[in-house]
């Protein structure tokens, strides 16, 4: 039961945070903020100290493994960064699009959503997997419309609910075929059926529906079209949370099935995953080239990154899972750094590319962080993004997907073009004479410094990726 300690602590923290503002009836109280980030930091430290053992609980419906603990670390770090990112949005100045209200409720929903993600990575049957995914997804619909005075936020929430409901329908329809084939919801029964009848047409049809459902959540082509509007309309902390945690939980969901009960279908799934990977990274990169708004730009960037991850997932190399988990840590650090910068420019300016103009002169440290983050996302050495992409590409190459690796490398080269457009705006385009330096508060400054150091250390020290591989194996 020791391995369940982070799950219980997360629920306890959510309950305490929910009630703290009721006790302190002060509209501008920051008690829930401080309680949230210190509590999440403590849970992350607990996660890092737990042994990477396997333990099965609750009549075999809940399992904690080394891989699930690594995913939980990603989820908690993402929740922690979201809480820190949201601090300025509850301040009176907030954002150009308004401020956030109801601080305790916001943090509580973030934690309950994270608890749902915990359930996904610990699932041992289709029912637990479904309940966990819904617990992780439904709070995101609420959070995307949290700024209800903003029409864009309401529109984003509405679109997200409609598309999310559609994906849930696909998932349940796929489940019905899988249950009909295996006669049980347990992974063991499903694995036994796929081993005995890997060519069963109903089984394969069910798998296709499940893939379509996860494709929505992972923003895989052709199920990606909701992402730019939801990224644009949601409050910035929520957008960052969706871009990292929602994607990470969808990847975990897919890994559990592809490397678990659907493993005997590898030959059937491999070409599908490779096709989706190639189309997704291409559509994402081509779409990003046309964007002038930072959040829509990040949406297409996120779509492209999903393609690289799918490419590694198509193989069955031992390093595939570890390279994907390592990439999630790298991706989370870079994405949150970008969204912190978007929150800073969004407070006084708009959120388009022009808002970055003159940053190199007016805020040289912030511009340097932007440049390092962009270099990491585009995979330039020696930053963490380079190591992350190298491991993904190496994992695919080990399976003999040389053509796909070359195609992904070309896509990565294309992405370098549009990523550098941000650096051009910050360093080359001259600012207007009336342009003033951006204001950065202590929370933003400290978090950006930590994220930058993380990107550098993860790129220079390979020990972290080696440790993840050892845990996964």
Protein backbone atom coordinates (compact mmCIF):
# COMPACT_ATOMS: atom_id res chain seq x y z
CA UNK A 1 0.00 0.00 0.00
CA UNK A 2 3.03 2.30 0.29
CA UNK A 3 3.00 2.72 -3.48
CA UNK A 4 -0.51 4.19 -3.21
CA UNK A 5 0.65 6.98 -0.89
CA UNK A 6 0.91 9.63 -3.69
CA UNK A 7 -2.66 8.83 -4.82
CA UNK A 8 -4.06 9.29 -1.30
CA UNK A 9 -1.98 12.42 -0.71
CA UNK A 10 -3.27 13.94 -3.94
CA UNK A 11 -6.91 13.37 -2.93
CA UNK A 12 -6.22 14.73 0.57
CA UNK A 13 -4.53 17.81 -0.87
CA UNK A 14 -7.47 18.44 -3.23
CA UNK A 15 -9.91 18.28 -0.29
CA UNK A 16 -7.83 20.64 1.85
CA UNK A 17 -7.31 23.15 -0.97
CA UNK A 18 -11.04 23.12 -1.72
CA UNK A 19 -11.90 24.11 1.84
CA UNK A 20 -9.11 26.54 2.65
CA UNK A 21 -10.74 29.55 0.97
CA UNK A 22 -14.03 28.73 2.65
CA UNK A 23 -12.32 29.13 6.00
CA UNK A 24 -10.39 32.23 5.07
CA UNK A 25 -13.18 34.18 3.35
CA UNK A 26 -10.80 36.61 1.62
CA UNK A 27 -11.22 37.09 -2.14
CA UNK A 28 -7.53 37.76 -2.77
CA UNK A 29 -6.15 35.17 -0.35
CA UNK A 30 -3.17 33.26 -1.75
CA UNK A 31 -3.33 30.49 0.86
CA UNK A 32 -4.71 27.91 -1.59
CA UNK A 33 -1.97 28.77 -4.10
CA UNK A 34 0.84 28.28 -1.60
CA UNK A 35 -0.78 25.15 -0.24
CA UNK A 36 -1.21 23.72 -3.75
CA UNK A 37 2.30 24.18 -5.04
CA UNK A 38 4.00 23.07 -1.81
CA UNK A 39 1.69 20.05 -1.60
CA UNK A 40 2.33 19.03 -5.21
CA UNK A 41 6.07 19.49 -4.74
CA UNK A 42 5.92 17.24 -1.66
CA UNK A 43 3.97 14.57 -3.61
CA UNK A 44 6.57 14.71 -6.39
CA UNK A 45 9.36 14.18 -3.85
CA UNK A 46 7.43 11.22 -2.40
CA UNK A 47 7.11 9.75 -5.91
CA UNK A 48 10.86 10.00 -6.49
CA UNK A 49 11.62 8.17 -3.24
CA UNK A 50 9.29 5.20 -3.80
CA UNK A 51 10.83 1.89 -4.93
CA UNK A 52 10.11 1.03 -8.56
CA UNK A 53 8.41 -2.24 -7.65
CA UNK A 54 5.25 -3.77 -8.99
CA UNK A 55 2.23 -4.10 -6.75
CA UNK A 56 -1.31 -5.20 -7.66
CA UNK A 57 -4.22 -4.06 -5.48
CA UNK A 58 -8.00 -3.92 -5.23
CA UNK A 59 -8.73 -7.42 -6.51
CA UNK A 60 -6.35 -7.01 -9.40
CA UNK A 61 -7.95 -3.85 -10.83
CA UNK A 62 -5.18 -1.41 -9.87
CA UNK A 63 -1.47 -1.89 -10.49
CA UNK A 64 1.51 0.29 -9.63
CA UNK A 65 4.71 -0.30 -11.61
CA UNK A 66 7.93 1.59 -12.24
CA UNK A 67 6.53 2.88 -15.53
CA UNK A 68 3.34 4.12 -13.89
CA UNK A 69 5.39 5.93 -11.21
CA UNK A 70 7.38 7.70 -13.94
CA UNK A 71 4.17 8.82 -15.64
CA UNK A 72 2.83 10.03 -12.30
CA UNK A 73 5.94 12.16 -11.91
CA UNK A 74 5.19 13.79 -15.28
CA UNK A 75 1.56 14.43 -14.25
CA UNK A 76 2.47 15.95 -10.87
CA UNK A 77 5.18 18.16 -12.37
CA UNK A 78 2.70 19.33 -14.98
CA UNK A 79 0.09 20.13 -12.31
CA UNK A 80 2.75 21.94 -10.26
CA UNK A 81 3.81 24.08 -13.26
CA UNK A 82 0.15 24.82 -14.04
CA UNK A 83 -0.45 26.07 -10.50
CA UNK A 84 2.65 28.29 -10.69
CA UNK A 85 1.63 29.54 -14.14
CA UNK A 86 -1.84 30.43 -12.92
CA UNK A 87 -0.59 32.70 -10.12
CA UNK A 88 -0.51 35.84 -12.28
CA UNK A 89 -3.95 35.07 -13.76
CA UNK A 90 -5.60 35.41 -10.34
CA UNK A 91 -3.87 38.76 -9.71
CA UNK A 92 -5.87 41.96 -10.37
CA UNK A 93 -3.93 42.68 -13.60
CA UNK A 94 -4.40 39.14 -14.83
CA UNK A 95 -4.22 38.86 -18.59
CA UNK A 96 -5.26 41.11 -21.48
CA UNK A 97 -8.31 38.84 -21.81
CA UNK A 98 -9.26 39.13 -18.15
CA UNK A 99 -8.54 37.48 -14.82
CA UNK A 100 -9.37 34.09 -13.34
CA UNK A 101 -11.61 33.73 -10.27
CA UNK A 102 -12.33 31.01 -7.69
CA UNK A 103 -8.76 30.03 -6.97
CA UNK A 104 -9.48 27.05 -4.68
CA UNK A 105 -11.87 25.44 -7.15
CA UNK A 106 -9.36 25.85 -9.98
CA UNK A 107 -6.56 24.12 -8.09
CA UNK A 108 -8.89 21.41 -6.78
CA UNK A 109 -10.04 20.57 -10.33
CA UNK A 110 -6.41 20.39 -11.48
CA UNK A 111 -5.64 17.86 -8.73
CA UNK A 112 -8.74 15.73 -9.35
CA UNK A 113 -7.87 15.68 -13.04
CA UNK A 114 -4.35 14.53 -12.11
CA UNK A 115 -5.84 11.79 -9.92
CA UNK A 116 -7.76 10.53 -12.97
CA UNK A 117 -4.46 10.35 -14.83
CA UNK A 118 -3.02 8.32 -11.95
CA UNK A 119 -5.88 5.84 -12.41
CA UNK A 120 -5.17 5.50 -16.15
CA UNK A 121 -1.53 4.50 -15.69
CA UNK A 122 -2.47 2.00 -12.96
CA UNK A 123 -5.35 0.32 -14.83
CA UNK A 124 -5.39 -3.43 -15.34
CA UNK A 125 -8.69 -3.71 -17.18
CA UNK A 126 -10.68 -1.78 -19.74
CA UNK A 127 -13.21 -0.47 -17.19
CA UNK A 128 -10.60 1.11 -14.90
CA UNK A 129 -8.87 2.49 -17.98
CA UNK A 130 -12.11 4.09 -19.17
CA UNK A 131 -13.05 5.54 -15.77
CA UNK A 132 -9.56 6.95 -15.31
CA UNK A 133 -9.60 8.55 -18.76
CA UNK A 134 -12.98 10.17 -18.13
CA UNK A 135 -11.85 11.42 -14.70
CA UNK A 136 -8.85 12.94 -16.43
CA UNK A 137 -10.81 14.44 -19.32
CA UNK A 138 -14.09 15.84 -17.94
CA UNK A 139 -12.32 18.38 -15.62
CA UNK A 140 -10.49 19.69 -18.70
CA UNK A 141 -13.82 20.63 -20.29
CA UNK A 142 -14.60 22.71 -17.19
CA UNK A 143 -11.15 24.28 -17.06
CA UNK A 144 -11.14 25.26 -20.75
CA UNK A 145 -14.30 27.34 -20.14
CA UNK A 146 -13.15 28.62 -16.75
CA UNK A 147 -12.91 32.23 -17.93
CA UNK A 148 -16.64 32.36 -18.62
CA UNK A 149 -16.72 36.11 -19.30
CA UNK A 150 -14.44 35.50 -22.29
CA UNK A 151 -16.34 34.35 -25.40
CA UNK A 152 -13.25 32.58 -26.76
CA UNK A 153 -12.99 30.51 -23.59
CA UNK A 154 -16.67 29.53 -23.77
CA UNK A 155 -16.27 28.62 -27.44
CA UNK A 156 -13.20 26.51 -26.66
CA UNK A 157 -15.02 24.66 -23.91
CA UNK A 158 -18.02 23.96 -26.14
CA UNK A 159 -15.89 22.60 -28.96
CA UNK A 160 -13.81 20.57 -26.54
CA UNK A 161 -16.92 18.98 -24.98
CA UNK A 162 -18.40 18.10 -28.38
CA UNK A 163 -15.19 16.58 -29.72
CA UNK A 164 -14.43 14.88 -26.40
CA UNK A 165 -17.90 13.34 -26.29
CA UNK A 166 -17.44 12.08 -29.83
CA UNK A 167 -14.14 10.44 -28.87
CA UNK A 168 -15.78 8.85 -25.82
CA UNK A 169 -18.42 7.41 -28.14
CA UNK A 170 -15.72 5.94 -30.37
CA UNK A 171 -13.96 4.51 -27.32
CA UNK A 172 -17.07 2.82 -25.95
CA UNK A 173 -17.97 1.48 -29.38
CA UNK A 174 -14.47 -0.01 -29.67
CA UNK A 175 -14.74 -1.41 -26.15
CA UNK A 176 -17.99 -3.16 -27.08
CA UNK A 177 -16.19 -5.10 -29.82
CA UNK A 178 -13.24 -5.94 -27.55
CA UNK A 179 -15.57 -7.11 -24.76
CA UNK A 180 -17.62 -9.10 -27.25
CA UNK A 181 -14.49 -10.89 -28.42
CA UNK A 182 -12.78 -11.54 -25.08
CA UNK A 183 -15.92 -11.96 -22.96
CA UNK A 184 -14.26 -9.98 -20.19
CA UNK A 185 -12.92 -6.49 -19.50
CA UNK A 186 -9.66 -7.73 -17.99
CA UNK A 187 -6.42 -7.28 -19.87
CA UNK A 188 -5.53 -10.94 -19.23
CA UNK A 189 -8.64 -12.18 -21.04
CA UNK A 190 -8.13 -9.73 -23.89
CA UNK A 191 -4.49 -10.77 -24.22
CA UNK A 192 -5.47 -14.44 -24.30
CA UNK A 193 -7.98 -13.75 -27.09
CA UNK A 194 -5.57 -11.64 -29.19
CA UNK A 195 -2.94 -14.39 -28.86
CA UNK A 196 -5.40 -17.04 -30.02
CA UNK A 197 -7.25 -15.05 -32.69
CA UNK A 198 -5.06 -12.13 -33.83
CA UNK A 199 -6.86 -11.97 -37.20
CA UNK A 200 -10.37 -11.82 -35.80
CA UNK A 201 -12.16 -9.07 -37.84
CA UNK A 202 -14.31 -7.84 -34.93
CA UNK A 203 -11.24 -7.55 -32.71
CA UNK A 204 -9.42 -5.51 -35.34
CA UNK A 205 -12.48 -3.31 -35.91
CA UNK A 206 -12.70 -2.63 -32.16
CA UNK A 207 -9.01 -1.73 -32.06
CA UNK A 208 -9.52 0.78 -34.88
CA UNK A 209 -12.30 2.54 -32.96
CA UNK A 210 -10.15 2.68 -29.82
CA UNK A 211 -7.28 4.13 -31.87
CA UNK A 212 -9.62 6.78 -33.29
CA UNK A 213 -10.76 7.73 -29.78
CA UNK A 214 -7.20 8.14 -28.52
CA UNK A 215 -6.33 9.96 -31.73
CA UNK A 216 -8.67 12.77 -30.62
CA UNK A 217 -6.96 13.14 -27.25
CA UNK A 218 -3.46 12.81 -28.71
CA UNK A 219 -4.23 15.27 -31.55
CA UNK A 220 -3.33 12.73 -34.20
CA UNK A 221 -4.28 13.43 -37.83
CA UNK A 222 -7.16 13.46 -38.87
CA UNK A 223 -8.56 13.95 -35.35
CA UNK A 224 -6.48 17.03 -34.53
CA UNK A 225 -8.68 19.87 -35.73
CA UNK A 226 -10.09 20.81 -32.32
CA UNK A 227 -6.64 21.60 -30.91
CA UNK A 228 -5.95 25.11 -32.39
CA UNK A 229 -9.32 26.51 -31.28
CA UNK A 230 -9.15 24.97 -27.79
CA UNK A 231 -5.54 26.07 -27.32
CA UNK A 232 -6.47 29.59 -28.45
CA UNK A 233 -9.60 29.96 -26.33
CA UNK A 234 -8.69 28.31 -23.03
CA UNK A 235 -6.96 30.27 -20.26
CA UNK A 236 -3.20 29.99 -20.76
CA UNK A 237 -2.52 27.77 -17.68
CA UNK A 238 -5.21 25.39 -18.89
CA UNK A 239 -3.80 25.36 -22.42
CA UNK A 240 -0.39 24.42 -21.01
CA UNK A 241 -1.96 21.69 -18.87
CA UNK A 242 -3.84 20.27 -21.90
CA UNK A 243 -0.73 20.38 -24.07
CA UNK A 244 1.34 18.36 -21.59
CA UNK A 245 -0.81 16.32 -19.19
CA UNK A 246 -3.64 15.50 -21.58
CA UNK A 247 -1.16 14.39 -24.21
CA UNK A 248 0.87 12.40 -21.67
CA UNK A 249 -2.16 10.51 -20.39
CA UNK A 250 -3.25 9.67 -23.95
CA UNK A 251 0.25 8.34 -24.66
CA UNK A 252 0.12 6.28 -21.46
CA UNK A 253 -3.29 4.90 -22.47
CA UNK A 254 -1.96 3.85 -25.86
CA UNK A 255 1.27 2.38 -24.44
CA UNK A 256 -0.70 0.27 -21.95
CA UNK A 257 -2.78 -1.28 -24.74
CA UNK A 258 -0.13 -1.56 -27.48
CA UNK A 259 2.47 -3.12 -25.16
CA UNK A 260 -0.11 -5.04 -23.15
CA UNK A 261 -3.25 -6.89 -24.28
CA UNK A 262 -2.88 -5.79 -27.92
CA UNK A 263 0.79 -6.77 -28.21
CA UNK A 264 0.01 -9.85 -30.40
CA UNK A 265 -1.51 -7.42 -32.96
CA UNK A 266 1.83 -5.70 -33.45
CA UNK A 267 2.14 -6.60 -37.14
CA UNK A 268 -1.38 -5.22 -37.72
CA UNK A 269 -0.85 -2.02 -35.70
CA UNK A 270 2.64 -1.18 -36.93
CA UNK A 271 1.76 0.16 -40.43
CA UNK A 272 -1.25 2.04 -39.03
CA UNK A 273 0.85 3.78 -36.38
CA UNK A 274 3.58 4.62 -38.88
CA UNK A 275 1.06 6.05 -41.34
CA UNK A 276 -0.56 8.14 -38.60
CA UNK A 277 2.88 9.27 -37.38
CA UNK A 278 3.99 10.47 -40.81
CA UNK A 279 0.72 12.28 -41.55
CA UNK A 280 0.53 13.84 -38.08
CA UNK A 281 4.05 15.28 -38.01
CA UNK A 282 3.64 16.63 -41.56
CA UNK A 283 0.25 18.25 -40.95
CA UNK A 284 1.48 19.71 -37.67
CA UNK A 285 4.61 21.22 -39.19
CA UNK A 286 2.86 22.60 -42.29
CA UNK A 287 0.07 24.05 -40.14
CA UNK A 288 2.51 25.75 -37.76
CA UNK A 289 4.22 27.57 -40.65
CA UNK A 290 1.07 29.60 -41.37
CA UNK A 291 0.32 30.74 -37.81
CA UNK A 292 0.71 34.26 -36.48
CA UNK A 293 -0.84 33.64 -33.04
CA UNK A 294 1.40 32.06 -30.41
CA UNK A 295 -1.14 29.63 -28.95
CA UNK A 296 -2.33 28.33 -32.32
CA UNK A 297 1.34 27.98 -33.22
CA UNK A 298 1.89 25.86 -30.12
CA UNK A 299 -1.16 23.75 -30.99
CA UNK A 300 0.30 22.77 -34.35
CA UNK A 301 3.73 22.29 -32.77
CA UNK A 302 2.07 19.91 -30.31
CA UNK A 303 0.44 17.99 -33.17
CA UNK A 304 3.83 17.56 -34.86
CA UNK A 305 5.41 16.33 -31.61
CA UNK A 306 2.68 13.68 -31.33
CA UNK A 307 3.80 12.35 -34.71
CA UNK A 308 7.38 11.82 -33.51
CA UNK A 309 6.12 9.94 -30.46
CA UNK A 310 3.85 7.68 -32.53
CA UNK A 311 6.81 6.78 -34.73
CA UNK A 312 8.71 5.42 -31.73
CA UNK A 313 5.59 3.66 -30.45
CA UNK A 314 5.21 1.73 -33.71
CA UNK A 315 8.33 -0.27 -32.88
CA UNK A 316 8.63 -2.84 -30.14
CA UNK A 317 12.21 -2.01 -29.20
CA UNK A 318 13.05 -2.18 -25.51
CA UNK A 319 14.01 1.47 -25.65
CA UNK A 320 10.70 2.65 -27.16
CA UNK A 321 8.81 3.15 -23.91
CA UNK A 322 11.77 4.68 -22.08
CA UNK A 323 12.50 7.08 -24.96
CA UNK A 324 8.85 8.19 -25.03
CA UNK A 325 8.76 8.79 -21.25
CA UNK A 326 12.06 10.68 -21.40
CA UNK A 327 10.68 12.78 -24.26
CA UNK A 328 7.63 13.64 -22.17
CA UNK A 329 9.83 15.13 -19.44
CA UNK A 330 11.75 17.13 -22.06
CA UNK A 331 8.58 18.20 -23.86
CA UNK A 332 6.94 19.28 -20.58
CA UNK A 333 9.87 21.50 -19.59
CA UNK A 334 10.04 23.24 -22.98
CA UNK A 335 6.28 23.65 -23.34
CA UNK A 336 5.80 25.17 -19.90
CA UNK A 337 8.69 27.57 -20.55
CA UNK A 338 6.97 28.76 -23.73
CA UNK A 339 3.61 29.15 -22.00
CA UNK A 340 5.20 31.13 -19.17
CA UNK A 341 6.59 33.49 -21.82
CA UNK A 342 3.16 33.69 -23.49
CA UNK A 343 1.62 34.58 -20.12
CA UNK A 344 4.19 37.36 -19.62
CA UNK A 345 3.68 38.97 -23.04
CA UNK A 346 -0.08 38.33 -22.86
CA UNK A 347 -0.44 40.44 -19.74
CA UNK A 348 0.59 43.72 -21.40
CA UNK A 349 0.48 42.92 -25.10
CA UNK A 350 -1.35 40.61 -27.50
CA UNK A 351 -0.43 36.94 -27.95
CA UNK A 352 0.80 37.10 -31.53
CA UNK A 353 4.33 36.96 -32.90
CA UNK A 354 4.66 40.76 -32.88
CA UNK A 355 4.39 40.81 -29.10
CA UNK A 356 7.89 39.27 -28.99
CA UNK A 357 9.48 42.13 -30.95
CA UNK A 358 12.28 43.86 -29.13
CA UNK A 359 12.52 41.27 -26.40
CA UNK A 360 16.23 40.82 -27.08
CA UNK A 361 16.86 44.47 -26.19
CA UNK A 362 14.22 45.17 -23.58
CA UNK A 363 14.29 41.76 -21.76
CA UNK A 364 17.55 40.03 -22.79
CA UNK A 365 17.30 37.27 -20.16
CA UNK A 366 13.74 36.41 -21.17
CA UNK A 367 14.75 36.42 -24.85
CA UNK A 368 17.62 34.05 -24.05
CA UNK A 369 15.19 31.66 -22.34
CA UNK A 370 12.90 31.87 -25.37
CA UNK A 371 15.78 31.06 -27.70
CA UNK A 372 16.97 28.08 -25.61
CA UNK A 373 13.42 26.74 -25.41
CA UNK A 374 12.92 27.07 -29.15
CA UNK A 375 16.23 25.32 -29.78
CA UNK A 376 15.18 22.51 -27.44
CA UNK A 377 11.79 22.06 -29.14
CA UNK A 378 13.40 21.99 -32.57
CA UNK A 379 16.04 19.47 -31.45
CA UNK A 380 19.25 21.48 -31.58
CA UNK A 381 22.16 20.04 -29.50
CA UNK A 382 23.17 20.02 -26.74
CA UNK A 383 19.74 20.80 -25.29
CA UNK A 384 17.32 18.21 -23.94
CA UNK A 385 15.10 18.32 -27.04
CA UNK A 386 17.96 17.01 -29.16
CA UNK A 387 18.53 14.07 -26.83
CA UNK A 388 14.78 13.39 -26.71
CA UNK A 389 14.38 13.31 -30.49
CA UNK A 390 17.60 11.33 -30.88
CA UNK A 391 16.26 8.61 -28.57
CA UNK A 392 12.89 8.52 -30.39
CA UNK A 393 14.60 8.30 -33.79
CA UNK A 394 17.09 5.70 -32.53
CA UNK A 395 14.27 3.59 -31.16
CA UNK A 396 12.54 3.65 -34.56
CA UNK A 397 15.80 2.93 -36.38
CA UNK A 398 16.41 -0.16 -34.23
CA UNK A 399 13.22 -1.60 -35.70
CA UNK A 400 14.42 -0.91 -39.23
CA UNK A 401 12.13 2.07 -39.92
CA UNK A 402 14.95 3.88 -41.74
CA UNK A 403 12.66 5.50 -44.29
CA UNK A 404 10.40 6.79 -41.54
CA UNK A 405 13.37 8.12 -39.56
CA UNK A 406 14.60 10.06 -42.61
CA UNK A 407 11.09 11.40 -43.16
CA UNK A 408 10.89 12.49 -39.50
CA UNK A 409 14.33 14.11 -39.74
CA UNK A 410 13.15 16.11 -42.78
CA UNK A 411 10.06 17.15 -40.85
CA UNK A 412 12.23 18.20 -37.94
CA UNK A 413 14.29 20.32 -40.33
CA UNK A 414 11.12 22.00 -41.60
CA UNK A 415 10.08 22.72 -38.01
CA UNK A 416 13.38 24.53 -37.47
CA UNK A 417 12.22 27.17 -39.97
CA UNK A 418 9.08 28.19 -38.13
CA UNK A 419 10.59 27.85 -34.65
CA UNK A 420 13.31 30.29 -35.67
CA UNK A 421 10.64 32.82 -36.69
CA UNK A 422 10.08 33.40 -32.95
CA UNK A 423 13.79 34.03 -32.41
CA UNK A 424 13.75 36.41 -35.38
CA UNK A 425 10.91 38.41 -33.82
CA UNK A 426 12.70 38.60 -30.49
CA UNK A 427 16.17 39.52 -31.74
CA UNK A 428 16.04 40.97 -35.27
CA UNK A 429 12.77 42.89 -35.64
CA UNK A 430 13.18 46.35 -34.13
CA UNK A 431 10.61 47.26 -31.46
CA UNK A 432 8.40 50.33 -31.60
CA UNK A 433 9.88 53.40 -29.92
CA UNK A 434 7.12 53.36 -27.31
CA UNK A 435 7.73 49.68 -26.43
CA UNK A 436 8.40 49.09 -22.73
CA UNK A 437 10.17 46.16 -21.02
CA UNK A 438 7.90 43.31 -20.01
CA UNK A 439 7.17 42.93 -16.30
CA UNK A 440 8.20 39.56 -14.82
CA UNK A 441 7.18 38.60 -11.31
CA UNK A 442 9.22 36.43 -8.94
CA UNK A 443 7.20 33.25 -9.54
CA UNK A 444 7.64 33.54 -13.30
CA UNK A 445 11.34 34.39 -13.02
CA UNK A 446 12.11 31.50 -10.66
CA UNK A 447 10.11 28.91 -12.59
CA UNK A 448 11.57 29.94 -15.94
CA UNK A 449 15.08 29.68 -14.48
CA UNK A 450 14.37 26.15 -13.17
CA UNK A 451 12.83 25.02 -16.47
CA UNK A 452 15.81 26.38 -18.42
CA UNK A 453 18.29 24.61 -16.17
CA UNK A 454 16.25 21.41 -16.57
CA UNK A 455 16.42 21.65 -20.37
CA UNK A 456 20.18 22.10 -20.26
CA UNK A 457 20.88 19.38 -17.68
CA UNK A 458 18.66 16.77 -19.34
CA UNK A 459 20.52 17.39 -22.59
CA UNK A 460 24.03 17.30 -21.19
CA UNK A 461 23.70 14.44 -18.70
CA UNK A 462 22.53 11.14 -20.25
CA UNK A 463 22.21 9.51 -16.82
CA UNK A 464 18.54 10.50 -16.56
CA UNK A 465 17.54 8.69 -19.76
CA UNK A 466 19.58 5.65 -18.69
CA UNK A 467 17.75 5.59 -15.35
CA UNK A 468 14.35 5.67 -17.09
CA UNK A 469 15.38 2.77 -19.33
CA UNK A 470 16.42 0.74 -16.26
CA UNK A 471 13.06 1.42 -14.55
CA UNK A 472 11.02 0.50 -17.64
CA UNK A 473 12.97 -2.73 -18.16
